[in-house]
N, C-alpha and C. Protein backbone atom coordinates (compact mmCIF):
# COMPACT_ATOMS: atom_id res chain seq x y z
N MET A 1 16.54 64.37 81.63
CA MET A 1 14.71 64.11 82.11
C MET A 1 14.88 66.00 82.75
N ALA A 2 14.26 66.25 82.49
CA ALA A 2 14.27 67.77 83.07
C ALA A 2 12.71 68.09 83.91
N ARG A 3 12.44 68.25 84.59
CA ARG A 3 11.01 69.19 85.67
C ARG A 3 11.16 69.69 84.60
N VAL A 4 9.86 70.37 84.61
CA VAL A 4 9.33 71.72 83.61
C VAL A 4 7.96 72.42 84.70
N LEU A 5 7.80 73.08 84.47
CA LEU A 5 6.94 74.09 84.93
C LEU A 5 5.60 75.08 83.34
N LEU A 6 4.82 74.38 82.96
CA LEU A 6 4.11 74.84 81.52
C LEU A 6 2.50 75.72 82.61
N ILE A 7 3.08 77.27 81.79
CA ILE A 7 2.83 77.84 82.03
C ILE A 7 1.60 78.87 81.49
N GLU A 8 0.37 77.22 80.54
CA GLU A 8 -0.14 78.04 79.80
C GLU A 8 -1.87 78.40 79.62
N ASP A 9 -2.20 79.21 79.65
CA ASP A 9 -4.01 79.44 79.97
C ASP A 9 -4.84 78.58 79.04
N ASP A 10 -4.45 78.66 77.19
CA ASP A 10 -5.25 77.68 76.23
C ASP A 10 -5.14 76.29 76.87
N MET A 11 -6.41 75.59 76.66
CA MET A 11 -6.20 74.58 78.20
C MET A 11 -5.24 73.37 76.71
N ASN A 12 -6.06 73.27 75.35
CA ASN A 12 -5.79 73.01 74.24
C ASN A 12 -4.65 73.15 73.72
N VAL A 13 -3.30 74.12 73.77
CA VAL A 13 -2.59 74.69 74.14
C VAL A 13 -1.18 73.26 74.87
N ARG A 14 -1.81 73.17 76.24
CA ARG A 14 -1.81 72.80 78.12
C ARG A 14 -0.90 71.80 77.42
N ASP A 15 -2.76 71.25 77.46
CA ASP A 15 -2.40 70.00 77.48
C ASP A 15 -1.80 69.16 75.81
N ALA A 16 -1.88 69.80 74.56
CA ALA A 16 -0.68 68.77 73.26
C ALA A 16 1.08 69.41 74.54
N LEU A 17 1.11 70.09 74.86
CA LEU A 17 2.26 70.45 74.87
C LEU A 17 3.27 69.69 76.79
N THR A 18 1.66 69.51 76.66
CA THR A 18 1.87 68.81 78.58
C THR A 18 2.45 67.06 77.85
N LEU A 19 1.89 66.88 77.01
CA LEU A 19 1.58 65.33 76.61
C LEU A 19 3.47 65.19 75.62
N ALA A 20 3.31 66.42 74.90
CA ALA A 20 4.96 66.07 74.28
C ALA A 20 5.75 65.76 75.54
N LEU A 21 6.15 66.68 76.21
CA LEU A 21 6.80 66.94 77.36
C LEU A 21 6.87 66.13 77.86
N LYS A 22 5.98 65.24 77.96
CA LYS A 22 5.84 63.66 79.30
C LYS A 22 6.56 62.90 78.49
N GLY A 23 5.98 63.08 76.90
CA GLY A 23 6.12 62.20 75.15
C GLY A 23 8.47 61.79 75.93
N ARG A 24 9.25 62.82 76.27
CA ARG A 24 10.59 63.12 75.99
C ARG A 24 10.92 62.92 77.85
N ASP A 25 10.18 62.53 78.67
CA ASP A 25 10.41 61.58 79.50
C ASP A 25 10.70 62.72 79.84
N HIS A 26 10.52 64.37 80.58
CA HIS A 26 10.22 64.83 81.35
C HIS A 26 8.70 65.47 82.49
N GLU A 27 9.70 65.24 83.91
CA GLU A 27 8.20 65.56 84.63
C GLU A 27 7.87 66.84 84.19
N VAL A 28 6.47 66.97 84.30
CA VAL A 28 5.72 68.49 84.07
C VAL A 28 4.05 68.60 85.06
N GLU A 29 4.55 69.94 85.61
CA GLU A 29 3.21 69.94 86.26
C GLU A 29 2.64 71.22 85.15
N SER A 30 1.62 71.90 85.40
CA SER A 30 0.64 72.69 84.41
C SER A 30 0.19 73.61 85.01
N ALA A 31 0.27 75.17 84.69
CA ALA A 31 -0.55 75.82 85.81
C ALA A 31 -1.33 76.77 84.74
N ALA A 32 -2.68 77.11 84.27
CA ALA A 32 -3.72 78.10 83.47
C ALA A 32 -3.60 79.32 83.65
N SER A 33 -3.31 80.17 84.83
CA SER A 33 -2.71 81.34 85.05
C SER A 33 -1.43 81.77 85.43
N GLY A 34 -0.92 82.37 85.29
CA GLY A 34 0.37 83.17 86.22
C GLY A 34 -0.62 83.28 87.90
N GLU A 35 -0.68 83.62 89.38
CA GLU A 35 -1.32 83.17 90.19
C GLU A 35 -0.81 81.56 90.43
N GLU A 36 -1.88 80.60 89.42
CA GLU A 36 -1.28 79.03 89.57
C GLU A 36 0.04 78.86 89.36
N GLY A 37 0.59 79.32 88.61
CA GLY A 37 2.40 78.67 88.08
C GLY A 37 3.34 79.38 89.53
N LEU A 38 2.79 80.05 90.15
CA LEU A 38 3.47 81.45 91.65
C LEU A 38 3.48 80.06 92.45
N GLU A 39 2.76 79.38 92.31
CA GLU A 39 1.94 79.10 92.95
C GLU A 39 2.79 77.94 93.67
N LEU A 40 2.19 76.68 91.90
CA LEU A 40 2.92 75.66 91.72
C LEU A 40 4.79 75.90 92.01
N LEU A 41 5.60 76.72 91.81
CA LEU A 41 6.65 76.79 91.45
C LEU A 41 7.33 76.83 93.18
N ALA A 42 6.64 77.44 94.08
CA ALA A 42 6.62 77.53 95.21
C ALA A 42 7.10 76.20 95.58
N ARG A 43 6.68 74.85 95.33
CA ARG A 43 6.37 73.64 95.29
C ARG A 43 6.69 72.28 94.85
N PHE A 44 7.59 73.53 93.50
CA PHE A 44 7.42 72.56 92.67
C PHE A 44 8.91 72.80 92.16
N ALA A 45 10.17 72.23 92.58
CA ALA A 45 10.89 72.87 92.15
C ALA A 45 11.96 72.65 90.42
N ALA A 46 11.58 73.00 89.67
CA ALA A 46 11.21 73.52 88.19
C ALA A 46 12.93 74.00 88.02
N ASP A 47 12.67 72.66 87.10
CA ASP A 47 14.28 73.45 86.46
C ASP A 47 14.27 74.13 85.40
N VAL A 48 12.79 74.29 84.28
CA VAL A 48 13.27 75.76 83.37
C VAL A 48 10.89 75.37 83.76
N VAL A 49 10.72 76.44 83.28
CA VAL A 49 9.66 76.79 82.82
C VAL A 49 9.23 77.41 81.56
N VAL A 50 8.15 77.24 81.37
CA VAL A 50 7.71 77.85 80.17
C VAL A 50 6.85 78.37 80.54
N LEU A 51 6.63 79.56 79.76
CA LEU A 51 5.19 80.44 80.04
C LEU A 51 5.03 81.58 78.91
N ASP A 52 4.35 81.22 79.19
CA ASP A 52 3.33 81.58 78.07
C ASP A 52 3.23 83.71 78.44
N LEU A 53 2.87 84.49 76.95
CA LEU A 53 3.18 85.57 77.43
C LEU A 53 1.70 86.37 78.43
N MET A 54 0.78 86.38 77.37
CA MET A 54 -0.79 86.43 77.38
C MET A 54 -1.13 85.33 78.07
N LEU A 55 -1.86 85.77 79.33
CA LEU A 55 -1.92 84.90 80.82
C LEU A 55 -3.36 86.19 81.10
N PRO A 56 -4.44 85.42 81.56
CA PRO A 56 -5.40 86.62 82.36
C PRO A 56 -4.88 86.47 84.03
N GLY A 57 -5.68 87.76 83.88
CA GLY A 57 -4.83 88.11 85.28
C GLY A 57 -3.47 88.42 85.34
N ILE A 58 -2.55 88.17 86.36
CA ILE A 58 -1.17 87.80 86.42
C ILE A 58 -0.56 88.07 84.49
N ASP A 59 -0.22 88.77 83.94
CA ASP A 59 -0.03 87.96 83.09
C ASP A 59 1.79 87.34 82.55
N GLY A 60 2.32 87.58 81.81
CA GLY A 60 3.34 86.57 81.37
C GLY A 60 4.85 87.35 81.94
N PHE A 61 4.63 88.90 81.55
CA PHE A 61 5.75 89.17 81.54
C PHE A 61 5.91 89.55 83.72
N GLU A 62 5.09 90.23 84.20
CA GLU A 62 5.19 89.90 85.61
C GLU A 62 5.57 88.54 86.29
N VAL A 63 4.76 87.48 85.69
CA VAL A 63 5.67 86.48 86.61
C VAL A 63 7.01 86.36 85.96
N CYS A 64 7.09 87.01 84.98
CA CYS A 64 7.93 86.45 84.72
C CYS A 64 9.85 87.22 85.48
N ARG A 65 8.85 88.90 85.99
CA ARG A 65 9.73 89.73 87.27
C ARG A 65 9.83 89.51 87.94
N ARG A 66 8.47 88.54 88.67
CA ARG A 66 8.50 88.32 90.24
C ARG A 66 9.21 86.63 89.97
N ILE A 67 9.81 85.58 88.96
CA ILE A 67 10.66 84.23 89.49
C ILE A 67 11.56 85.21 89.01
N ARG A 68 12.26 85.85 88.31
CA ARG A 68 13.59 86.35 88.00
C ARG A 68 13.93 87.02 89.90
N ALA A 69 12.78 87.68 90.54
CA ALA A 69 13.18 88.40 91.38
C ALA A 69 14.16 87.25 92.81
N THR A 70 13.35 85.79 92.64
CA THR A 70 13.70 85.34 93.71
C THR A 70 14.85 83.72 93.77
N ALA A 71 14.12 84.66 91.82
CA ALA A 71 15.25 82.68 91.74
C ALA A 71 16.05 82.62 90.41
N SER A 72 16.56 81.52 89.96
CA SER A 72 17.55 81.67 88.52
C SER A 72 17.15 80.76 87.56
N THR A 73 16.15 79.63 88.22
CA THR A 73 15.56 79.14 87.07
C THR A 73 15.32 79.20 85.63
N SER A 74 16.22 78.18 84.97
CA SER A 74 15.53 79.11 83.00
C SER A 74 14.18 79.39 82.50
N ILE A 75 14.31 80.01 81.63
CA ILE A 75 12.57 80.58 81.89
C ILE A 75 12.79 80.61 79.53
N VAL A 76 11.65 80.31 79.72
CA VAL A 76 10.78 79.98 78.09
C VAL A 76 10.17 79.94 77.72
N MET A 77 9.84 81.53 76.79
CA MET A 77 8.02 82.03 76.88
C MET A 77 8.15 81.62 75.80
N LEU A 78 7.05 82.46 76.22
CA LEU A 78 6.06 81.44 74.37
C LEU A 78 5.27 82.99 73.97
N SER A 79 5.89 83.56 72.00
CA SER A 79 4.88 84.28 72.37
C SER A 79 4.35 84.86 70.74
N ALA A 80 3.50 85.25 70.75
CA ALA A 80 2.90 85.29 69.93
C ALA A 80 3.85 85.72 68.20
N ARG A 81 3.46 85.37 67.25
CA ARG A 81 3.90 85.25 66.13
C ARG A 81 4.15 86.81 65.68
N GLY A 82 5.79 87.50 65.51
CA GLY A 82 6.04 88.85 65.08
C GLY A 82 5.62 89.60 66.41
N ASP A 83 5.26 89.47 67.05
CA ASP A 83 4.75 90.96 68.15
C ASP A 83 6.02 90.90 68.97
N ASP A 84 7.18 92.05 68.18
CA ASP A 84 7.95 92.46 68.30
C ASP A 84 8.15 92.70 70.49
N PHE A 85 6.99 93.55 70.88
CA PHE A 85 6.91 93.80 71.67
C PHE A 85 6.77 93.21 72.82
N ASP A 86 6.10 91.78 71.94
CA ASP A 86 6.12 90.26 72.63
C ASP A 86 7.59 90.05 73.62
N VAL A 87 7.89 90.14 72.63
CA VAL A 87 9.37 89.49 72.49
C VAL A 87 10.45 90.36 73.02
N VAL A 88 10.28 91.20 73.19
CA VAL A 88 12.04 92.97 73.66
C VAL A 88 10.87 92.52 75.63
N GLY A 89 9.23 92.97 75.34
CA GLY A 89 9.38 92.55 76.60
C GLY A 89 9.38 91.48 77.80
N GLY A 90 9.56 90.13 76.77
CA GLY A 90 9.62 89.20 77.74
C GLY A 90 11.35 89.01 77.88
N LEU A 91 12.11 89.30 77.29
CA LEU A 91 13.61 89.51 77.18
C LEU A 91 14.12 90.41 78.30
N GLU A 92 12.96 91.01 78.88
CA GLU A 92 13.92 92.29 79.36
C GLU A 92 13.16 91.92 80.49
N ALA A 93 12.13 91.55 81.19
CA ALA A 93 11.44 91.11 82.28
C ALA A 93 12.71 89.36 82.48
N GLY A 94 13.38 89.42 81.90
CA GLY A 94 13.77 88.07 82.54
C GLY A 94 14.59 86.85 81.59
N ALA A 95 13.77 86.72 81.30
CA ALA A 95 13.87 84.99 80.42
C ALA A 95 14.88 84.77 79.36
N ASP A 96 14.96 83.58 79.43
CA ASP A 96 15.71 83.37 78.56
C ASP A 96 16.05 82.75 76.95
N ASP A 97 14.91 82.26 76.69
CA ASP A 97 14.63 82.31 74.99
C ASP A 97 13.66 82.26 74.86
N TYR A 98 13.18 81.57 73.64
CA TYR A 98 11.32 82.52 73.37
C TYR A 98 11.46 80.74 72.38
N VAL A 99 10.06 81.02 72.10
CA VAL A 99 9.59 79.81 71.19
C VAL A 99 8.68 80.99 70.61
N VAL A 100 7.91 80.69 69.39
CA VAL A 100 6.98 81.68 68.19
C VAL A 100 5.71 80.37 68.77
N LYS A 101 4.96 81.09 68.45
CA LYS A 101 3.16 80.19 68.28
C LYS A 101 3.61 80.22 67.46
N PRO A 102 2.22 79.02 66.36
CA PRO A 102 2.25 77.84 67.21
C PRO A 102 3.24 76.89 67.48
N VAL A 103 3.25 76.53 68.56
CA VAL A 103 4.64 75.94 68.89
C VAL A 103 4.25 74.30 68.47
N ARG A 104 5.43 74.36 68.22
CA ARG A 104 6.61 72.92 67.60
C ARG A 104 6.99 72.10 69.18
N SER A 105 6.35 71.42 69.08
CA SER A 105 7.33 69.82 70.43
C SER A 105 8.72 70.30 70.53
N GLN A 106 9.42 69.23 68.93
CA GLN A 106 10.25 69.13 69.07
C GLN A 106 11.26 71.18 68.98
N VAL A 107 11.18 71.67 68.94
CA VAL A 107 11.27 72.84 69.09
C VAL A 107 11.90 73.38 70.11
N LEU A 108 10.27 73.65 70.56
CA LEU A 108 10.31 73.32 72.09
C LEU A 108 11.70 72.38 72.98
N GLU A 109 11.88 71.93 72.78
CA GLU A 109 12.23 70.14 73.38
C GLU A 109 13.85 71.29 73.18
N ALA A 110 14.04 71.20 71.95
CA ALA A 110 15.85 72.17 71.63
C ALA A 110 15.55 72.92 72.24
N ARG A 111 15.10 73.70 72.58
CA ARG A 111 15.29 76.07 73.06
C ARG A 111 15.15 75.10 74.76
N ILE A 112 14.65 74.22 75.64
CA ILE A 112 14.28 73.81 76.69
C ILE A 112 16.08 72.46 76.69
N ARG A 113 16.11 72.42 76.10
CA ARG A 113 17.70 71.43 76.33
C ARG A 113 19.25 72.36 76.33
N ALA A 114 19.18 73.53 76.20
CA ALA A 114 20.61 74.30 75.55
C ALA A 114 19.91 75.16 76.09
N VAL A 115 18.80 75.76 77.34
CA VAL A 115 19.28 76.45 77.89
C VAL A 115 19.25 75.91 79.05
N LEU A 116 19.30 74.58 79.07
CA LEU A 116 19.56 73.76 80.64
C LEU A 116 20.21 73.08 80.69
N ARG A 117 21.67 73.19 79.28
CA ARG A 117 22.54 72.06 78.64
C ARG A 117 24.35 72.76 79.74
N ARG A 118 24.62 72.46 80.92
CA ARG A 118 25.84 73.20 81.39
C ARG A 118 26.90 72.87 80.85
N THR A 119 27.47 74.68 81.38
CA THR A 119 28.99 73.97 80.50
C THR A 119 30.03 72.96 80.53
N ASP A 120 29.93 72.19 79.77
CA ASP A 120 31.48 71.31 80.29
C ASP A 120 32.58 72.16 81.15
N SER A 121 33.13 71.80 82.36
CA SER A 121 34.00 72.71 82.63
C SER A 121 35.14 71.55 83.38
N VAL A 122 36.16 72.13 83.70
CA VAL A 122 37.15 70.89 84.76
C VAL A 122 37.59 71.74 85.44
N PRO A 123 37.89 70.65 86.99
CA PRO A 123 38.83 72.14 87.97
C PRO A 123 40.21 72.53 87.79
N SER A 124 39.92 73.70 87.97
CA SER A 124 40.99 75.05 87.40
C SER A 124 40.71 76.00 88.34
N PRO A 125 41.48 77.03 88.08
CA PRO A 125 41.99 77.72 89.73
C PRO A 125 40.65 79.24 89.42
N VAL A 126 40.21 80.01 90.74
CA VAL A 126 39.49 80.88 89.94
C VAL A 126 39.92 81.75 89.54
N GLU A 127 39.07 81.99 88.61
CA GLU A 127 40.13 83.90 87.32
C GLU A 127 39.63 84.98 88.03
N THR A 128 40.57 85.15 88.66
CA THR A 128 40.03 86.85 89.25
C THR A 128 40.39 87.97 88.17
N TYR A 129 38.93 88.67 87.76
CA TYR A 129 38.68 89.99 86.32
C TYR A 129 38.44 91.22 87.84
N GLY A 130 39.52 92.38 88.05
CA GLY A 130 39.52 92.96 89.12
C GLY A 130 38.60 92.69 89.72
N GLU A 131 37.80 92.82 90.23
CA GLU A 131 36.71 92.50 91.80
C GLU A 131 36.18 91.66 90.92
N LEU A 132 36.18 90.84 90.03
CA LEU A 132 34.81 89.89 89.31
C LEU A 132 36.18 88.51 89.24
N ARG A 133 35.65 87.48 90.09
CA ARG A 133 35.84 86.46 90.00
C ARG A 133 35.40 85.03 89.59
N VAL A 134 35.51 84.59 88.63
CA VAL A 134 34.84 83.94 88.30
C VAL A 134 36.00 81.84 88.16
N ASP A 135 34.61 81.51 89.23
CA ASP A 135 35.43 79.88 89.53
C ASP A 135 34.38 78.68 88.71
N ARG A 136 35.23 78.58 87.32
CA ARG A 136 34.62 77.34 85.95
C ARG A 136 34.58 76.59 86.54
N ALA A 137 35.04 75.95 87.57
CA ALA A 137 35.17 74.24 88.22
C ALA A 137 33.63 74.42 89.02
N SER A 138 33.75 75.51 90.24
CA SER A 138 32.29 75.47 90.06
C SER A 138 30.70 76.41 89.81
N LEU A 139 31.13 76.78 89.15
CA LEU A 139 30.32 77.43 88.27
C LEU A 139 29.38 78.32 88.89
N THR A 140 30.34 79.33 90.50
CA THR A 140 29.62 80.49 90.29
C THR A 140 30.76 82.00 90.16
N VAL A 141 30.11 83.28 90.41
CA VAL A 141 29.98 84.38 90.35
C VAL A 141 30.28 85.24 91.22
N SER A 142 31.06 85.83 91.59
CA SER A 142 31.60 87.29 92.67
C SER A 142 31.62 88.22 92.56
N ARG A 143 32.03 89.11 93.07
CA ARG A 143 32.80 90.13 92.66
C ARG A 143 32.55 90.77 94.49
N GLY A 144 33.54 91.72 94.56
CA GLY A 144 34.41 92.06 95.96
C GLY A 144 33.46 91.02 96.59
N GLY A 145 33.91 89.98 96.95
CA GLY A 145 33.36 88.90 97.96
C GLY A 145 32.12 88.58 97.93
N ARG A 146 31.13 88.92 97.39
CA ARG A 146 30.00 89.09 97.16
C ARG A 146 29.44 87.99 96.17
N ARG A 147 28.99 86.40 96.31
CA ARG A 147 28.34 85.67 95.25
C ARG A 147 27.27 86.63 94.63
N ILE A 148 27.24 86.58 93.00
CA ILE A 148 26.26 86.63 92.17
C ILE A 148 25.32 85.37 91.79
N ALA A 149 24.19 85.85 92.30
CA ALA A 149 23.23 84.06 91.83
C ALA A 149 22.68 85.07 90.22
N LEU A 150 23.41 84.14 89.27
CA LEU A 150 22.90 84.13 87.92
C LEU A 150 22.27 83.46 87.25
N PRO A 151 21.35 83.02 86.16
CA PRO A 151 20.52 82.54 85.41
C PRO A 151 21.15 81.69 84.76
N PRO A 152 21.00 80.68 84.31
CA PRO A 152 21.89 79.68 83.41
C PRO A 152 22.28 80.48 82.55
N MET A 153 21.29 81.85 81.53
CA MET A 153 22.07 81.68 80.39
C MET A 153 23.07 82.99 80.31
N GLU A 154 22.36 84.08 81.41
CA GLU A 154 23.45 84.62 81.38
C GLU A 154 24.63 83.90 82.17
N LEU A 155 25.43 83.13 83.28
CA LEU A 155 26.32 82.76 83.01
C LEU A 155 26.78 81.53 81.90
N ARG A 156 26.41 81.08 81.11
CA ARG A 156 26.63 80.42 79.98
C ARG A 156 27.05 81.56 79.41
N LEU A 157 26.92 82.94 78.81
CA LEU A 157 27.50 83.93 78.27
C LEU A 157 28.46 84.72 79.20
N LEU A 158 28.97 85.07 80.64
CA LEU A 158 29.93 85.16 80.93
C LEU A 158 31.32 83.89 81.01
N LEU A 159 30.85 82.61 80.56
CA LEU A 159 32.03 82.05 80.79
C LEU A 159 32.17 82.10 79.17
N TYR A 160 31.68 81.82 78.03
CA TYR A 160 31.78 81.66 77.02
C TYR A 160 32.79 82.99 76.26
N LEU A 161 32.52 84.13 77.22
CA LEU A 161 33.35 85.80 76.80
C LEU A 161 34.40 85.44 77.82
N SER A 162 34.19 85.38 79.02
CA SER A 162 35.21 85.20 79.53
C SER A 162 36.48 84.44 79.48
N ALA A 163 36.01 83.03 78.23
CA ALA A 163 37.24 82.05 78.30
C ALA A 163 37.39 82.22 77.19
N ALA A 164 38.07 83.87 76.59
CA ALA A 164 39.07 84.13 75.86
C ALA A 164 38.66 86.19 75.62
N PRO A 165 39.66 86.93 76.54
CA PRO A 165 39.30 88.33 77.42
C PRO A 165 40.09 88.77 75.92
N GLY A 166 38.80 90.09 76.27
CA GLY A 166 39.26 90.30 74.34
C GLY A 166 39.00 90.38 73.72
N GLN A 167 38.59 89.48 72.41
CA GLN A 167 38.31 88.35 71.52
C GLN A 167 37.08 89.12 70.66
N VAL A 168 37.07 88.88 70.23
CA VAL A 168 35.29 90.07 69.76
C VAL A 168 34.33 89.29 69.21
N PHE A 169 33.82 88.89 69.91
CA PHE A 169 32.33 87.66 68.61
C PHE A 169 31.15 88.43 68.92
N SER A 170 30.76 87.81 67.91
CA SER A 170 29.26 88.52 66.95
C SER A 170 28.10 87.90 67.05
N ARG A 171 26.75 88.80 67.25
CA ARG A 171 25.84 88.21 68.32
C ARG A 171 25.37 87.02 67.55
N GLN A 172 25.69 86.78 66.12
CA GLN A 172 25.80 85.34 65.35
C GLN A 172 26.10 84.71 66.06
N GLN A 173 28.09 84.92 66.44
CA GLN A 173 28.16 83.45 66.84
C GLN A 173 27.99 83.41 68.36
N LEU A 174 27.73 83.90 69.57
CA LEU A 174 27.16 83.66 70.68
C LEU A 174 26.04 83.38 70.50
N LEU A 175 25.42 83.59 69.40
CA LEU A 175 23.55 82.49 69.36
C LEU A 175 23.92 81.73 68.79
N GLU A 176 24.92 80.72 68.48
CA GLU A 176 24.93 79.83 67.88
C GLU A 176 25.65 79.14 69.05
N SER A 177 26.63 79.74 69.41
CA SER A 177 27.59 79.10 70.88
C SER A 177 27.24 78.95 72.10
N VAL A 178 26.44 80.74 71.98
CA VAL A 178 25.54 80.17 73.95
C VAL A 178 24.46 79.75 73.66
N TRP A 179 23.07 80.39 72.49
CA TRP A 179 22.03 79.48 72.75
C TRP A 179 21.20 78.65 71.88
N GLU A 180 22.94 78.17 71.04
CA GLU A 180 22.47 76.58 70.22
C GLU A 180 21.76 77.14 68.80
N HIS A 181 20.89 78.56 68.63
CA HIS A 181 20.94 78.67 67.23
C HIS A 181 21.44 78.70 66.27
N ASP A 182 20.97 77.38 65.75
CA ASP A 182 22.12 77.04 64.00
C ASP A 182 21.50 77.83 63.08
N TYR A 183 20.47 78.76 63.27
CA TYR A 183 19.62 79.14 61.76
C TYR A 183 20.29 81.38 61.86
N LEU A 184 20.34 82.22 61.29
CA LEU A 184 19.73 83.35 61.69
C LEU A 184 19.45 83.86 62.62
N GLY A 185 19.35 83.89 63.76
CA GLY A 185 18.96 83.92 65.31
C GLY A 185 18.47 85.30 65.28
N ASP A 186 18.30 85.78 66.58
CA ASP A 186 16.88 86.97 66.71
C ASP A 186 18.57 87.99 67.73
N SER A 187 18.84 88.56 67.52
CA SER A 187 20.18 89.62 67.77
C SER A 187 18.97 89.91 68.94
N ARG A 188 18.02 90.36 69.36
CA ARG A 188 17.14 90.19 70.73
C ARG A 188 17.74 89.77 71.98
N LEU A 189 18.19 88.79 71.65
CA LEU A 189 18.32 87.91 73.02
C LEU A 189 19.79 87.62 73.46
N VAL A 190 20.42 88.05 72.51
CA VAL A 190 21.77 88.72 72.68
C VAL A 190 21.71 90.24 73.73
N ASP A 191 21.24 90.83 73.45
CA ASP A 191 21.30 92.21 73.99
C ASP A 191 20.73 92.09 75.23
N ALA A 192 19.51 91.70 75.45
CA ALA A 192 18.79 92.05 76.58
C ALA A 192 19.68 91.31 77.35
N CYS A 193 20.62 89.98 77.14
CA CYS A 193 21.07 88.63 78.29
C CYS A 193 21.96 90.09 78.63
N VAL A 194 22.60 90.03 77.52
CA VAL A 194 24.18 91.40 78.10
C VAL A 194 23.64 92.13 78.92
N GLN A 195 22.83 92.75 79.07
CA GLN A 195 21.60 94.26 79.56
C GLN A 195 21.62 93.35 80.99
N ARG A 196 21.56 91.81 81.38
CA ARG A 196 20.70 92.09 82.29
C ARG A 196 22.46 91.29 82.86
N LEU A 197 23.22 91.12 82.26
CA LEU A 197 24.03 90.46 83.09
C LEU A 197 24.83 91.93 83.50
N ARG A 198 25.71 92.67 82.78
CA ARG A 198 25.80 93.79 83.24
C ARG A 198 25.26 94.57 84.49
N SER A 199 24.11 93.94 84.07
CA SER A 199 23.30 95.18 85.82
C SER A 199 24.12 94.05 87.09
N LYS A 200 24.09 93.37 87.02
CA LYS A 200 24.55 92.47 88.10
C LYS A 200 26.41 92.32 87.96
N ILE A 201 27.15 92.21 87.33
CA ILE A 201 28.86 92.06 87.01
C ILE A 201 29.31 93.51 87.28
N GLU A 202 28.43 94.53 86.09
CA GLU A 202 28.89 95.91 86.43
C GLU A 202 28.82 96.71 87.73
N ASN A 203 29.96 97.82 87.91
CA ASN A 203 30.02 98.45 88.85
C ASN A 203 28.72 99.53 88.82
N VAL A 204 28.91 100.54 87.08
CA VAL A 204 27.92 100.95 86.36
C VAL A 204 27.75 100.55 85.03
N SER A 205 26.25 99.89 84.53
CA SER A 205 26.05 98.98 83.69
C SER A 205 26.21 99.89 82.60
N ALA A 206 25.85 100.97 82.76
CA ALA A 206 25.78 101.87 81.41
C ALA A 206 27.69 102.58 81.26
N GLU A 207 29.23 102.23 81.86
CA GLU A 207 29.87 102.23 81.60
C GLU A 207 30.39 100.28 81.86
N PRO A 208 30.42 99.19 81.00
CA PRO A 208 31.12 98.32 81.83
C PRO A 208 32.44 98.26 81.58
N ARG A 209 33.49 97.46 82.46
CA ARG A 209 34.75 96.99 82.30
C ARG A 209 34.58 95.95 81.59
N TYR A 210 34.12 94.94 82.53
CA TYR A 210 33.35 93.13 82.15
C TYR A 210 33.16 92.93 80.40
N VAL A 211 32.31 93.17 80.52
CA VAL A 211 31.33 92.39 78.78
C VAL A 211 31.61 94.25 78.53
N GLN A 212 31.72 94.10 77.06
CA GLN A 212 32.49 95.50 76.33
C GLN A 212 31.74 95.92 74.94
N THR A 213 31.06 96.34 74.68
CA THR A 213 30.81 96.80 73.24
C THR A 213 31.51 97.01 72.44
N VAL A 214 31.45 96.80 71.61
CA VAL A 214 32.55 96.38 70.13
C VAL A 214 31.45 97.35 69.41
N ARG A 215 31.39 98.56 69.13
CA ARG A 215 30.11 99.31 68.00
C ARG A 215 30.60 98.58 66.02
N GLY A 216 29.24 98.23 66.16
CA GLY A 216 29.65 97.03 64.31
C GLY A 216 30.12 96.18 64.76
N PHE A 217 31.11 95.61 65.42
CA PHE A 217 30.59 93.56 65.32
C PHE A 217 30.27 93.24 66.46
N GLY A 218 29.92 93.09 67.61
CA GLY A 218 29.25 92.26 68.57
C GLY A 218 29.44 92.88 70.08
N TYR A 219 30.54 92.29 71.47
CA TYR A 219 31.03 91.94 72.10
C TYR A 219 32.66 90.94 73.03
N ARG A 220 33.01 92.00 73.55
CA ARG A 220 34.17 90.79 74.14
C ARG A 220 34.71 91.37 75.32
N PHE A 221 35.15 90.27 76.24
CA PHE A 221 34.64 90.46 77.99
C PHE A 221 36.69 90.95 77.97
N GLY A 222 36.20 92.96 78.46
CA GLY A 222 37.61 93.63 78.76
C GLY A 222 38.04 93.92 77.72
N PRO A 223 38.61 94.30 77.91
CA PRO A 223 39.80 94.59 79.20
C PRO A 223 39.58 95.28 80.25
N VAL A 224 39.65 94.57 81.46
CA VAL A 224 39.81 94.80 82.99
C VAL A 224 40.48 96.48 83.25
């Protein structure tokens, strides 16, 4: 069971998704606007926010940015079909994944489970890569002695890449292993997550030491 905050202005969609999520044993709070959603989030410890991007008042992009400024709560955005602006803008604002409208409850459930599933780990020594320290037992990351707060998908991506330093992974491999998309998925999810991760762990994100691009292939961790 997860605690889900649903922010959706369409009453019919909101009621249908609330009913479907509660039917899967989730605890659900819902809001009809960005302002109401942010107020609810302040007192409802949500595990995941399901966020429509086209909201009255404060739109979903701004809501996403405000959540990311203060919390690492997982965010699944609801996007209009085929609207690249929605998808790219939402990912850049900090969303972890997206579902295209009209929303199928089973697809949304799969996305929620994927973004919340924590990487299995066993106690192990802290791994050190230059200034970066990755503790797989406590699922914490620090750089230069300062802890870095990473949202779940960014943490999962870092843990996955750093488990095999130097190995190149294609975007599709990462979609299947980190996002658990078992179809030809959207590589923008990977690219946007890499950009956000680099902004936090790299000294200069344009000159990455840790998460490096291998042109024409994908990404690898290191060499540092």
